[in-house]
N, C-alpha and C. Protein backbone atom coordinates (compact mmCIF):
# COMPACT_ATOMS: atom_id res chain seq x y z
N MET A 1 114.11 67.20 124.47
CA MET A 1 113.99 68.51 123.82
C MET A 1 112.57 68.77 123.33
N PHE A 2 111.97 67.80 122.68
CA PHE A 2 110.63 68.01 122.14
C PHE A 2 109.59 68.08 123.26
N ARG A 3 109.82 67.38 124.38
CA ARG A 3 108.91 67.51 125.52
C ARG A 3 108.94 68.94 126.06
N ASN A 4 110.13 69.50 126.15
CA ASN A 4 110.24 70.90 126.61
C ASN A 4 109.58 71.86 125.61
N MET A 5 109.75 71.62 124.32
CA MET A 5 109.18 72.49 123.31
C MET A 5 107.66 72.41 123.29
N VAL A 6 107.11 71.21 123.47
CA VAL A 6 105.64 71.07 123.53
C VAL A 6 105.09 71.79 124.75
N THR A 7 105.77 71.69 125.87
CA THR A 7 105.32 72.37 127.08
C THR A 7 105.33 73.89 126.86
N SER A 8 106.39 74.41 126.27
CA SER A 8 106.46 75.85 126.02
C SER A 8 105.39 76.29 125.01
N LEU A 9 105.13 75.47 124.00
CA LEU A 9 104.12 75.83 123.00
C LEU A 9 102.73 75.90 123.61
N LEU A 10 102.38 74.89 124.45
CA LEU A 10 101.05 74.89 125.06
C LEU A 10 100.91 75.97 126.13
N LYS A 11 102.03 76.41 126.72
CA LYS A 11 101.98 77.43 127.76
C LYS A 11 101.90 78.82 127.16
N HIS A 12 102.73 79.10 126.16
CA HIS A 12 102.80 80.44 125.58
C HIS A 12 102.03 80.56 124.26
N GLU A 13 101.58 79.46 123.69
CA GLU A 13 100.76 79.38 122.48
C GLU A 13 101.52 79.70 121.20
N ARG A 14 102.78 80.13 121.27
CA ARG A 14 103.62 80.29 120.08
C ARG A 14 105.09 80.36 120.48
N ILE A 15 105.93 79.75 119.65
CA ILE A 15 107.37 79.78 119.88
C ILE A 15 108.08 79.88 118.53
N ARG A 16 109.37 80.27 118.58
CA ARG A 16 110.20 80.36 117.37
C ARG A 16 111.27 79.26 117.42
N THR A 17 111.42 78.59 116.30
CA THR A 17 112.43 77.53 116.20
C THR A 17 112.78 77.34 114.73
N THR A 18 113.63 76.38 114.45
CA THR A 18 114.00 76.12 113.06
C THR A 18 112.87 75.39 112.34
N GLY A 19 112.95 75.37 111.04
CA GLY A 19 111.89 74.75 110.25
C GLY A 19 111.71 73.27 110.49
N PRO A 20 112.75 72.44 110.45
CA PRO A 20 112.56 71.01 110.70
C PRO A 20 112.05 70.69 112.10
N LYS A 21 112.51 71.45 113.09
CA LYS A 21 112.01 71.23 114.45
C LYS A 21 110.52 71.60 114.55
N ALA A 22 110.12 72.67 113.89
CA ALA A 22 108.71 73.09 113.92
C ALA A 22 107.82 72.03 113.30
N LYS A 23 108.28 71.39 112.22
CA LYS A 23 107.46 70.35 111.58
C LYS A 23 107.32 69.13 112.48
N GLU A 24 108.37 68.77 113.17
CA GLU A 24 108.28 67.63 114.08
C GLU A 24 107.48 67.99 115.32
N LEU A 25 107.61 69.23 115.78
CA LEU A 25 106.87 69.67 116.97
C LEU A 25 105.37 69.68 116.70
N ARG A 26 104.96 69.95 115.47
CA ARG A 26 103.53 69.93 115.13
C ARG A 26 102.93 68.55 115.42
N ARG A 27 103.68 67.48 115.09
CA ARG A 27 103.15 66.14 115.32
C ARG A 27 102.94 65.87 116.81
N TRP A 28 103.89 66.31 117.64
CA TRP A 28 103.77 66.12 119.08
C TRP A 28 102.60 66.93 119.65
N ALA A 29 102.46 68.18 119.23
CA ALA A 29 101.39 69.05 119.76
C ALA A 29 100.02 68.53 119.36
N ASP A 30 99.87 68.08 118.13
CA ASP A 30 98.57 67.56 117.71
C ASP A 30 98.18 66.31 118.51
N HIS A 31 99.18 65.48 118.84
CA HIS A 31 98.88 64.27 119.63
C HIS A 31 98.41 64.65 121.03
N VAL A 32 99.05 65.60 121.67
CA VAL A 32 98.67 66.01 123.03
C VAL A 32 97.28 66.65 123.02
N ILE A 33 96.98 67.49 122.04
CA ILE A 33 95.67 68.14 121.99
C ILE A 33 94.57 67.12 121.74
N THR A 34 94.85 66.08 120.96
CA THR A 34 93.86 65.02 120.74
C THR A 34 93.56 64.29 122.04
N LEU A 35 94.60 64.05 122.85
CA LEU A 35 94.38 63.43 124.16
C LEU A 35 93.53 64.34 125.06
N ALA A 36 93.79 65.64 125.00
CA ALA A 36 93.03 66.59 125.84
C ALA A 36 91.56 66.63 125.41
N LYS A 37 91.29 66.49 124.12
CA LYS A 37 89.90 66.50 123.67
C LYS A 37 89.18 65.22 124.10
N ARG A 38 89.93 64.11 124.22
CA ARG A 38 89.30 62.87 124.68
C ARG A 38 88.89 63.01 126.14
N GLY A 39 89.77 63.55 126.98
CA GLY A 39 89.41 64.01 128.32
C GLY A 39 89.31 62.96 129.41
N ASP A 40 89.56 61.68 129.17
CA ASP A 40 89.45 60.68 130.24
C ASP A 40 90.75 60.61 131.05
N LEU A 41 90.75 59.75 132.09
CA LEU A 41 91.89 59.67 133.00
C LEU A 41 93.12 59.10 132.30
N HIS A 42 92.92 58.10 131.46
CA HIS A 42 94.06 57.49 130.77
C HIS A 42 94.71 58.52 129.83
N ALA A 43 93.89 59.33 129.15
CA ALA A 43 94.44 60.35 128.26
C ALA A 43 95.19 61.40 129.05
N ARG A 44 94.70 61.74 130.23
CA ARG A 44 95.39 62.73 131.06
C ARG A 44 96.77 62.20 131.49
N ARG A 45 96.85 60.93 131.83
CA ARG A 45 98.12 60.36 132.25
C ARG A 45 99.10 60.29 131.07
N GLN A 46 98.59 59.99 129.89
CA GLN A 46 99.46 59.97 128.72
C GLN A 46 100.00 61.37 128.41
N ALA A 47 99.14 62.39 128.58
CA ALA A 47 99.58 63.76 128.36
C ALA A 47 100.60 64.19 129.39
N LEU A 48 100.44 63.75 130.67
CA LEU A 48 101.40 64.09 131.72
C LEU A 48 102.74 63.40 131.49
N ALA A 49 102.72 62.32 130.74
CA ALA A 49 103.98 61.65 130.42
C ALA A 49 104.78 62.43 129.39
N ILE A 50 104.13 63.32 128.64
CA ILE A 50 104.83 64.11 127.61
C ILE A 50 105.10 65.52 128.13
N VAL A 51 104.07 66.20 128.63
CA VAL A 51 104.17 67.59 129.09
C VAL A 51 104.76 67.59 130.49
N ARG A 52 105.68 68.50 130.77
CA ARG A 52 106.40 68.51 132.02
C ARG A 52 105.69 69.28 133.13
N GLU A 53 104.69 70.12 132.83
CA GLU A 53 104.02 70.92 133.85
C GLU A 53 102.56 70.47 133.98
N LYS A 54 102.16 70.19 135.22
CA LYS A 54 100.80 69.71 135.46
C LYS A 54 99.76 70.81 135.19
N ASP A 55 100.10 72.07 135.58
CA ASP A 55 99.14 73.17 135.37
C ASP A 55 98.81 73.35 133.89
N VAL A 56 99.80 73.19 133.04
CA VAL A 56 99.56 73.33 131.60
C VAL A 56 98.63 72.23 131.12
N VAL A 57 98.80 71.00 131.63
CA VAL A 57 97.94 69.88 131.22
C VAL A 57 96.51 70.12 131.69
N HIS A 58 96.35 70.54 132.96
CA HIS A 58 94.99 70.77 133.49
C HIS A 58 94.29 71.88 132.69
N LYS A 59 94.99 72.95 132.39
CA LYS A 59 94.38 74.04 131.62
C LYS A 59 94.01 73.58 130.21
N LEU A 60 94.89 72.77 129.59
CA LEU A 60 94.61 72.28 128.25
C LEU A 60 93.39 71.37 128.23
N PHE A 61 93.25 70.48 129.21
CA PHE A 61 92.11 69.56 129.24
C PHE A 61 90.80 70.32 129.50
N GLU A 62 90.86 71.44 130.22
CA GLU A 62 89.63 72.20 130.50
C GLU A 62 89.14 72.99 129.28
N THR A 63 90.05 73.49 128.47
CA THR A 63 89.69 74.40 127.38
C THR A 63 89.83 73.80 125.98
N ALA A 64 90.20 72.54 125.88
CA ALA A 64 90.47 71.96 124.55
C ALA A 64 89.20 71.89 123.71
N ASN A 65 88.10 71.41 124.27
CA ASN A 65 86.86 71.26 123.48
C ASN A 65 86.30 72.62 123.06
N GLU A 66 86.43 73.62 123.94
CA GLU A 66 85.91 74.95 123.61
C GLU A 66 86.77 75.64 122.55
N ARG A 67 88.08 75.49 122.63
CA ARG A 67 88.98 76.20 121.72
C ARG A 67 89.08 75.54 120.35
N PHE A 68 89.11 74.21 120.32
CA PHE A 68 89.38 73.53 119.05
C PHE A 68 88.15 72.89 118.44
N GLY A 69 87.04 72.87 119.18
CA GLY A 69 85.78 72.41 118.62
C GLY A 69 85.81 70.95 118.22
N SER A 70 85.04 70.65 117.17
CA SER A 70 84.91 69.26 116.71
C SER A 70 85.83 68.93 115.55
N VAL A 71 86.80 69.79 115.28
CA VAL A 71 87.73 69.56 114.17
C VAL A 71 88.81 68.59 114.62
N SER A 72 89.09 67.65 113.78
CA SER A 72 90.13 66.65 114.12
C SER A 72 91.38 66.97 113.31
N GLY A 73 92.41 67.47 113.98
CA GLY A 73 93.67 67.78 113.32
C GLY A 73 93.76 69.24 112.92
N GLY A 74 94.97 69.65 112.55
CA GLY A 74 95.18 71.04 112.14
C GLY A 74 95.10 72.02 113.28
N TYR A 75 95.70 71.66 114.44
CA TYR A 75 95.62 72.53 115.61
C TYR A 75 96.74 73.55 115.67
N THR A 76 97.76 73.40 114.83
CA THR A 76 98.90 74.31 114.86
C THR A 76 99.12 74.89 113.47
N ARG A 77 99.92 75.96 113.44
CA ARG A 77 100.21 76.65 112.18
C ARG A 77 101.68 77.06 112.19
N ILE A 78 102.35 76.89 111.06
CA ILE A 78 103.77 77.24 110.93
C ILE A 78 103.90 78.41 109.97
N VAL A 79 104.64 79.43 110.40
CA VAL A 79 104.89 80.62 109.59
C VAL A 79 106.39 80.78 109.42
N LYS A 80 106.87 80.84 108.17
CA LYS A 80 108.30 80.98 107.91
C LYS A 80 108.71 82.43 108.12
N LEU A 81 109.83 82.64 108.83
CA LEU A 81 110.32 83.98 109.15
C LEU A 81 111.62 84.34 108.44
N GLY A 82 112.21 83.44 107.69
CA GLY A 82 113.47 83.74 107.01
C GLY A 82 114.60 82.88 107.53
N ARG A 83 115.81 83.42 107.47
CA ARG A 83 116.99 82.66 107.89
C ARG A 83 117.69 83.38 109.05
N ARG A 84 118.32 82.55 109.86
CA ARG A 84 119.03 83.05 111.03
C ARG A 84 120.33 83.70 110.60
N ALA A 85 120.76 84.73 111.32
CA ALA A 85 121.94 85.50 110.91
C ALA A 85 123.24 84.72 111.08
N GLY A 86 123.36 83.86 112.11
CA GLY A 86 124.65 83.19 112.37
C GLY A 86 124.96 82.09 111.38
N ASP A 87 124.05 81.10 111.27
CA ASP A 87 124.31 79.92 110.44
C ASP A 87 123.35 79.82 109.26
N ALA A 88 122.53 80.83 109.04
CA ALA A 88 121.59 80.85 107.91
C ALA A 88 120.58 79.72 107.96
N ALA A 89 120.24 79.28 109.16
CA ALA A 89 119.22 78.22 109.30
C ALA A 89 117.84 78.82 109.10
N PRO A 90 116.93 78.10 108.47
CA PRO A 90 115.56 78.63 108.27
C PRO A 90 114.81 78.68 109.60
N ILE A 91 114.28 79.86 109.89
CA ILE A 91 113.56 80.08 111.15
C ILE A 91 112.07 80.12 110.85
N SER A 92 111.29 79.46 111.71
CA SER A 92 109.83 79.44 111.57
C SER A 92 109.20 79.68 112.93
N MET A 93 107.96 80.12 112.89
CA MET A 93 107.19 80.32 114.12
C MET A 93 106.01 79.37 114.08
N ILE A 94 105.86 78.58 115.15
CA ILE A 94 104.74 77.66 115.27
C ILE A 94 103.81 78.17 116.36
N GLU A 95 102.50 78.17 116.07
CA GLU A 95 101.51 78.70 117.02
C GLU A 95 100.25 77.87 116.96
N LEU A 96 99.49 77.95 118.06
CA LEU A 96 98.22 77.24 118.14
C LEU A 96 97.16 78.00 117.37
N VAL A 97 96.30 77.26 116.69
CA VAL A 97 95.18 77.85 115.94
C VAL A 97 93.94 77.71 116.78
N VAL A 98 93.29 78.82 117.04
CA VAL A 98 92.08 78.80 117.86
C VAL A 98 90.90 78.51 116.96
N ARG A 99 90.19 77.46 117.24
CA ARG A 99 89.00 77.08 116.48
C ARG A 99 87.81 77.05 117.42
N GLN A 100 86.73 77.65 116.99
CA GLN A 100 85.52 77.68 117.79
C GLN A 100 84.58 76.58 117.32
N ASP A 101 83.56 76.34 118.12
CA ASP A 101 82.61 75.29 117.80
C ASP A 101 81.87 75.65 116.52
N THR A 102 81.81 74.68 115.61
CA THR A 102 81.16 74.93 114.32
C THR A 102 79.64 74.90 114.40
N LYS A 103 79.09 74.36 115.50
CA LYS A 103 77.64 74.31 115.64
C LYS A 103 77.11 75.70 115.89
N LYS A 104 76.13 76.06 115.12
CA LYS A 104 75.54 77.39 115.26
C LYS A 104 74.52 77.38 116.38
N LYS A 105 74.66 78.34 117.25
CA LYS A 105 73.70 78.47 118.34
C LYS A 105 72.45 79.17 117.83
N LYS A 106 71.33 78.62 118.26
CA LYS A 106 70.06 79.22 117.86
C LYS A 106 69.84 80.50 118.66
N SER A 107 69.72 81.57 117.96
CA SER A 107 69.50 82.88 118.60
C SER A 107 68.08 83.32 118.33
N LYS A 108 67.46 83.73 119.40
CA LYS A 108 66.08 84.20 119.27
C LYS A 108 66.09 85.61 118.71
N LYS A 109 65.51 85.73 117.57
CA LYS A 109 65.44 87.04 116.91
C LYS A 109 64.02 87.56 117.00
N LYS A 110 63.94 88.78 117.38
CA LYS A 110 62.63 89.41 117.45
C LYS A 110 62.13 89.73 116.05
N LYS A 111 60.89 89.37 115.83
CA LYS A 111 60.30 89.66 114.53
C LYS A 111 59.95 91.14 114.44
N VAL A 112 60.47 91.74 113.43
CA VAL A 112 60.22 93.16 113.20
C VAL A 112 59.24 93.30 112.06
N LYS A 113 58.19 94.03 112.32
CA LYS A 113 57.18 94.24 111.28
C LYS A 113 57.77 95.11 110.18
N ALA A 114 57.67 94.58 109.00
CA ALA A 114 58.21 95.32 107.85
C ALA A 114 57.26 96.43 107.46
N ASP A 115 57.81 97.59 107.24
CA ASP A 115 56.99 98.72 106.80
C ASP A 115 56.55 98.51 105.37
N PRO A 116 55.30 98.87 105.03
CA PRO A 116 54.86 98.71 103.63
C PRO A 116 55.64 99.58 102.67
N THR A 117 56.06 100.75 103.15
CA THR A 117 56.82 101.65 102.27
C THR A 117 58.30 101.44 102.53
N PRO A 118 59.10 101.25 101.50
CA PRO A 118 60.55 101.06 101.71
C PRO A 118 61.18 102.32 102.24
N ALA A 119 62.17 102.14 103.12
CA ALA A 119 62.86 103.29 103.72
C ALA A 119 63.74 103.96 102.69
N LYS A 120 63.62 105.27 102.60
CA LYS A 120 64.43 106.03 101.65
C LYS A 120 65.69 106.52 102.34
N PRO A 121 66.79 106.58 101.63
CA PRO A 121 68.00 107.14 102.23
C PRO A 121 67.87 108.62 102.48
N ALA A 122 68.79 109.13 103.31
CA ALA A 122 68.72 110.55 103.69
C ALA A 122 68.89 111.46 102.48
N ALA A 123 69.76 111.05 101.53
CA ALA A 123 69.98 111.89 100.35
C ALA A 123 68.72 112.02 99.52
N ASP A 124 67.97 110.88 99.35
CA ASP A 124 66.72 110.94 98.58
C ASP A 124 65.69 111.81 99.28
N GLU A 125 65.63 111.75 100.61
CA GLU A 125 64.67 112.58 101.34
C GLU A 125 64.98 114.06 101.15
N LYS A 126 66.28 114.43 101.21
CA LYS A 126 66.65 115.83 101.00
C LYS A 126 66.28 116.29 99.60
N ALA A 127 66.54 115.43 98.60
CA ALA A 127 66.22 115.80 97.22
C ALA A 127 64.72 115.97 97.05
N ALA A 128 63.92 115.08 97.68
CA ALA A 128 62.47 115.19 97.57
C ALA A 128 61.97 116.48 98.21
N LYS A 129 62.55 116.85 99.36
CA LYS A 129 62.14 118.10 100.02
C LYS A 129 62.46 119.30 99.15
N GLU A 130 63.64 119.30 98.55
CA GLU A 130 64.01 120.42 97.68
C GLU A 130 63.09 120.53 96.48
N GLU A 131 62.73 119.38 95.88
CA GLU A 131 61.80 119.40 94.75
C GLU A 131 60.43 119.94 95.17
N ALA A 132 59.97 119.54 96.36
CA ALA A 132 58.67 120.02 96.83
C ALA A 132 58.69 121.53 97.04
N LYS A 133 59.80 122.06 97.61
CA LYS A 133 59.92 123.51 97.80
C LYS A 133 59.93 124.24 96.46
N ALA A 134 60.65 123.66 95.49
CA ALA A 134 60.71 124.30 94.17
C ALA A 134 59.33 124.33 93.53
N LYS A 135 58.55 123.24 93.67
CA LYS A 135 57.21 123.21 93.10
C LYS A 135 56.31 124.24 93.75
N LYS A 136 56.41 124.39 95.08
CA LYS A 136 55.60 125.38 95.78
C LYS A 136 55.92 126.79 95.30
N GLU A 137 57.21 127.07 95.14
CA GLU A 137 57.60 128.40 94.66
C GLU A 137 57.09 128.66 93.26
N VAL A 138 57.13 127.63 92.40
CA VAL A 138 56.63 127.80 91.03
C VAL A 138 55.13 128.05 91.03
N LYS A 139 54.39 127.32 91.91
CA LYS A 139 52.94 127.53 91.98
C LYS A 139 52.61 128.91 92.53
N ALA A 140 53.37 129.36 93.50
CA ALA A 140 53.07 130.66 94.11
C ALA A 140 53.28 131.80 93.11
N GLU A 141 54.29 131.71 92.27
CA GLU A 141 54.54 132.78 91.30
C GLU A 141 53.54 132.67 90.16
N PRO A 142 52.83 133.77 89.79
CA PRO A 142 51.88 133.71 88.68
C PRO A 142 52.61 133.54 87.36
N ALA A 143 51.90 132.95 86.41
CA ALA A 143 52.47 132.76 85.09
C ALA A 143 52.63 134.10 84.40
N PRO A 144 53.49 134.17 83.35
CA PRO A 144 53.69 135.45 82.66
C PRO A 144 52.42 135.99 82.05
N SER A 145 51.54 135.12 81.53
CA SER A 145 50.28 135.59 80.95
C SER A 145 49.39 136.22 82.03
N GLU A 146 49.35 135.58 83.21
CA GLU A 146 48.56 136.13 84.31
C GLU A 146 49.09 137.50 84.73
N LYS A 147 50.42 137.63 84.76
CA LYS A 147 51.00 138.92 85.12
C LYS A 147 50.59 140.00 84.10
N GLU A 148 50.61 139.66 82.80
CA GLU A 148 50.22 140.64 81.78
C GLU A 148 48.77 141.04 81.94
N GLU A 149 47.90 140.04 82.21
CA GLU A 149 46.48 140.36 82.40
C GLU A 149 46.28 141.27 83.60
N GLU A 150 47.00 140.99 84.69
CA GLU A 150 46.88 141.85 85.88
C GLU A 150 47.32 143.27 85.58
N THR A 151 48.41 143.43 84.84
CA THR A 151 48.88 144.78 84.51
C THR A 151 47.88 145.50 83.61
N ALA A 152 47.27 144.76 82.64
CA ALA A 152 46.27 145.39 81.76
C ALA A 152 45.04 145.83 82.55
N ASP A 153 44.59 144.97 83.49
CA ASP A 153 43.44 145.34 84.32
C ASP A 153 43.75 146.57 85.15
N LYS A 154 44.95 146.61 85.72
CA LYS A 154 45.32 147.77 86.52
C LYS A 154 45.36 149.05 85.67
N ALA A 155 45.88 148.94 84.44
CA ALA A 155 45.93 150.12 83.56
C ALA A 155 44.53 150.61 83.22
N ALA A 156 43.60 149.66 82.92
CA ALA A 156 42.23 150.04 82.59
C ALA A 156 41.56 150.73 83.78
N ALA A 157 41.80 150.18 84.98
CA ALA A 157 41.22 150.79 86.17
C ALA A 157 41.76 152.20 86.38
N MET A 158 43.03 152.41 86.13
CA MET A 158 43.62 153.74 86.27
C MET A 158 43.03 154.71 85.26
N VAL A 159 42.81 154.23 84.02
CA VAL A 159 42.21 155.11 82.99
C VAL A 159 40.81 155.51 83.40
N GLU A 160 40.01 154.54 83.91
CA GLU A 160 38.64 154.86 84.33
C GLU A 160 38.63 155.87 85.47
N LYS A 161 39.55 155.69 86.43
CA LYS A 161 39.62 156.64 87.54
C LYS A 161 39.96 158.04 87.04
N GLN A 162 40.90 158.12 86.11
CA GLN A 162 41.28 159.43 85.57
C GLN A 162 40.12 160.07 84.83
N ALA A 163 39.32 159.28 84.05
CA ALA A 163 38.17 159.83 83.32
C ALA A 163 37.12 160.36 84.30
N ASP A 164 36.85 159.57 85.37
CA ASP A 164 35.87 160.01 86.36
C ASP A 164 36.34 161.30 87.03
N ALA A 165 37.62 161.38 87.33
CA ALA A 165 38.14 162.59 87.96
C ALA A 165 38.02 163.79 87.03
N ALA A 166 38.25 163.57 85.71
CA ALA A 166 38.13 164.67 84.75
C ALA A 166 36.69 165.15 84.65
N VAL A 167 35.72 164.20 84.64
CA VAL A 167 34.30 164.59 84.57
C VAL A 167 33.91 165.39 85.80
N GLU A 168 34.36 164.95 86.97
CA GLU A 168 34.03 165.68 88.20
C GLU A 168 34.62 167.09 88.17
N GLU A 169 35.85 167.20 87.66
CA GLU A 169 36.49 168.51 87.58
C GLU A 169 35.72 169.44 86.64
N THR A 170 35.26 168.93 85.49
CA THR A 170 34.49 169.78 84.54
C THR A 170 33.18 170.22 85.17
N ALA A 171 32.51 169.32 85.92
CA ALA A 171 31.24 169.70 86.57
C ALA A 171 31.50 170.78 87.61
N GLU A 172 32.56 170.65 88.36
CA GLU A 172 32.87 171.67 89.37
C GLU A 172 33.20 173.00 88.72
N GLU A 173 33.95 172.95 87.59
CA GLU A 173 34.27 174.21 86.89
C GLU A 173 33.02 174.89 86.37
N ALA A 174 32.04 174.10 85.82
CA ALA A 174 30.80 174.68 85.29
C ALA A 174 30.00 175.34 86.42
N GLU A 175 29.92 174.68 87.56
CA GLU A 175 29.20 175.27 88.68
C GLU A 175 29.87 176.56 89.14
N ALA A 176 31.21 176.54 89.10
CA ALA A 176 31.92 177.74 89.53
C ALA A 176 31.68 178.89 88.55
N LYS A 177 31.59 178.63 87.22
CA LYS A 177 31.37 179.67 86.24
C LYS A 177 29.95 180.22 86.26
N SER A 178 28.91 179.41 86.56
CA SER A 178 27.51 179.89 86.58
C SER A 178 27.34 180.90 87.69
N PRO A 179 26.56 182.07 87.40
CA PRO A 179 26.41 183.13 88.42
C PRO A 179 25.63 182.62 89.60
N ALA A 180 26.08 183.00 90.73
CA ALA A 180 25.40 182.59 91.96
C ALA A 180 24.14 183.42 92.15
N PRO A 181 23.05 182.91 92.63
CA PRO A 181 21.80 183.66 92.85
C PRO A 181 22.00 184.75 93.88
N LYS A 182 21.51 185.95 93.50
CA LYS A 182 21.67 187.09 94.39
C LYS A 182 20.76 186.96 95.58
N ALA A 183 21.22 187.43 96.70
CA ALA A 183 20.44 187.36 97.93
C ALA A 183 19.37 188.45 97.93
N ASP A 184 18.16 188.12 98.32
CA ASP A 184 17.03 189.09 98.36
C ASP A 184 17.25 190.07 99.49
N THR A 185 17.06 191.35 99.16
CA THR A 185 17.16 192.40 100.19
C THR A 185 15.86 192.46 100.97
N GLY A 186 15.77 193.36 101.99
CA GLY A 186 14.57 193.45 102.83
C GLY A 186 13.38 194.01 102.08
N ASP A 187 13.57 195.04 101.19
CA ASP A 187 12.45 195.63 100.45
C ASP A 187 11.87 194.64 99.47
N GLU A 188 12.73 193.93 98.80
CA GLU A 188 12.22 192.96 97.82
C GLU A 188 11.43 191.88 98.52
N LYS A 189 11.89 191.48 99.71
CA LYS A 189 11.13 190.46 100.45
C LYS A 189 9.75 190.97 100.82
N GLU A 190 9.67 192.26 101.22
CA GLU A 190 8.36 192.82 101.60
C GLU A 190 7.43 192.90 100.40
N LYS A 191 8.01 193.30 99.22
CA LYS A 191 7.20 193.37 98.00
C LYS A 191 6.65 192.01 97.64
N LYS A 192 7.52 191.00 97.71
CA LYS A 192 7.07 189.66 97.36
C LYS A 192 5.98 189.19 98.30
N SER A 193 6.15 189.46 99.59
CA SER A 193 5.13 189.01 100.56
C SER A 193 3.83 189.78 100.36
N ALA A 194 3.93 191.07 99.98
CA ALA A 194 2.71 191.84 99.73
C ALA A 194 2.01 191.33 98.49
N ALA A 195 2.80 190.99 97.44
CA ALA A 195 2.19 190.47 96.20
C ALA A 195 1.49 189.15 96.47
N LYS A 196 2.09 188.34 97.34
CA LYS A 196 1.48 187.05 97.65
C LYS A 196 0.20 187.23 98.47
N SER A 197 0.17 188.25 99.39
CA SER A 197 -1.00 188.42 100.28
C SER A 197 -2.12 189.26 99.66
N ALA A 198 -1.87 189.93 98.49
CA ALA A 198 -2.90 190.78 97.84
C ALA A 198 -4.12 189.98 97.43
N PRO A 199 -4.01 188.86 96.75
CA PRO A 199 -5.22 188.11 96.37
C PRO A 199 -6.03 187.67 97.58
N ALA A 200 -5.31 187.34 98.65
CA ALA A 200 -6.05 186.91 99.84
C ALA A 200 -6.85 188.07 100.44
N LYS A 201 -6.27 189.28 100.42
CA LYS A 201 -6.98 190.46 100.95
C LYS A 201 -8.20 190.80 100.10
N LYS A 202 -8.03 190.67 98.77
CA LYS A 202 -9.17 190.95 97.87
C LYS A 202 -10.30 189.98 98.13
N ALA A 203 -9.98 188.71 98.33
CA ALA A 203 -11.02 187.71 98.56
C ALA A 203 -11.73 188.00 99.88
N ALA A 204 -10.97 188.42 100.87
CA ALA A 204 -11.59 188.72 102.17
C ALA A 204 -12.50 189.95 102.07
N ALA A 205 -12.07 190.95 101.26
CA ALA A 205 -12.90 192.15 101.09
C ALA A 205 -14.20 191.80 100.38
N LYS A 206 -14.15 190.97 99.37
CA LYS A 206 -15.35 190.55 98.67
C LYS A 206 -16.31 189.84 99.60
N LYS A 207 -15.77 188.97 100.46
CA LYS A 207 -16.64 188.27 101.40
C LYS A 207 -17.32 189.26 102.35
N ASP A 208 -16.57 190.27 102.79
CA ASP A 208 -17.16 191.26 103.71
C ASP A 208 -18.28 192.04 103.01
N ASP A 209 -18.06 192.39 101.72
CA ASP A 209 -19.08 193.14 100.97
C ASP A 209 -20.35 192.31 100.82
N LYS A 210 -20.20 191.03 100.52
CA LYS A 210 -21.38 190.17 100.36
C LYS A 210 -22.12 190.05 101.66
N ALA A 211 -21.39 189.96 102.74
CA ALA A 211 -22.05 189.81 104.04
C ALA A 211 -22.82 191.08 104.40
N GLU A 212 -22.25 192.24 104.10
CA GLU A 212 -22.95 193.50 104.37
C GLU A 212 -24.20 193.62 103.50
N ALA A 213 -24.08 193.21 102.25
CA ALA A 213 -25.25 193.28 101.35
C ALA A 213 -26.35 192.39 101.83
N GLU A 214 -26.00 191.24 102.27
CA GLU A 214 -27.04 190.33 102.78
C GLU A 214 -27.71 190.91 104.02
N ASP A 215 -26.92 191.51 104.88
CA ASP A 215 -27.48 192.09 106.10
C ASP A 215 -28.45 193.24 105.76
N SER A 216 -28.00 194.05 104.81
CA SER A 216 -28.89 195.17 104.42
C SER A 216 -30.17 194.66 103.77
N GLY A 217 -30.12 193.64 102.98
CA GLY A 217 -31.32 193.07 102.34
C GLY A 217 -32.27 192.51 103.34
N SER A 218 -31.76 191.87 104.36
CA SER A 218 -32.62 191.28 105.39
C SER A 218 -33.29 192.36 106.20
N GLN A 219 -32.61 193.50 106.39
CA GLN A 219 -33.22 194.60 107.14
C GLN A 219 -34.36 195.21 106.32
N ASP A 220 -34.20 195.35 105.00
CA ASP A 220 -35.26 195.94 104.15
C ASP A 220 -36.49 195.05 104.17
N LYS A 221 -36.30 193.76 104.09
CA LYS A 221 -37.43 192.82 104.08
C LYS A 221 -38.19 192.92 105.39
N SER A 222 -37.53 193.08 106.45
CA SER A 222 -38.21 193.16 107.74
C SER A 222 -39.04 194.43 107.87
N LYS A 223 -38.50 195.50 107.27
CA LYS A 223 -39.26 196.77 107.29
C LYS A 223 -40.52 196.63 106.46
N LYS A 224 -40.43 196.03 105.29
CA LYS A 224 -41.61 195.89 104.42
C LYS A 224 -42.69 195.07 105.11
N THR A 225 -42.33 194.09 105.77
CA THR A 225 -43.33 193.24 106.44
C THR A 225 -44.04 194.01 107.54
N GLU A 226 -43.36 194.87 108.14
CA GLU A 226 -43.98 195.64 109.18
C GLU A 226 -45.01 196.57 108.57
């Protein structure tokens, strides 16, 4: 019976049986797995004397060192499932425990250059961007004192413009009220031109008189000499 149970356990890796049978079956299974880990011809023949199927023995001897590693003992595990419905016998499940080699394989890891600045999480980056935007908006908006100064300057400029416009309007009104110079008629122009040319005519007449007097004097002198 136990030879059949060991064969089924190694083939299917878990079976259900009663509690006392599972405890006894653990001893048989651990002995067979120890023989498989030894791996020589004598151990194989001893295992074939217990296990009824050759294929199960060959598979166990090929994979025993890889599956169970360098651990000695503790190859099976028993889990209690309760009691059977007919006779209330305690039922347990026995299964093989897969153990890997405890030796750590050396893995070549690529050296990654560490950045001088620590990486910030996405939430911190978003918060920093929002703070920067808020600071820019605050800088762009003028302070309340600056706004008041700008409004005062604008008011003063408007007052000066209004004063200049009022002065220009008063000057234009004064020019409009002053009488415009009357246009000279044709007779008045002739009188003015005659008044301007009278002194010149008198001077020319005087010159002519002097010239005639000189001519007459020169004629008298010539007669006397004769």
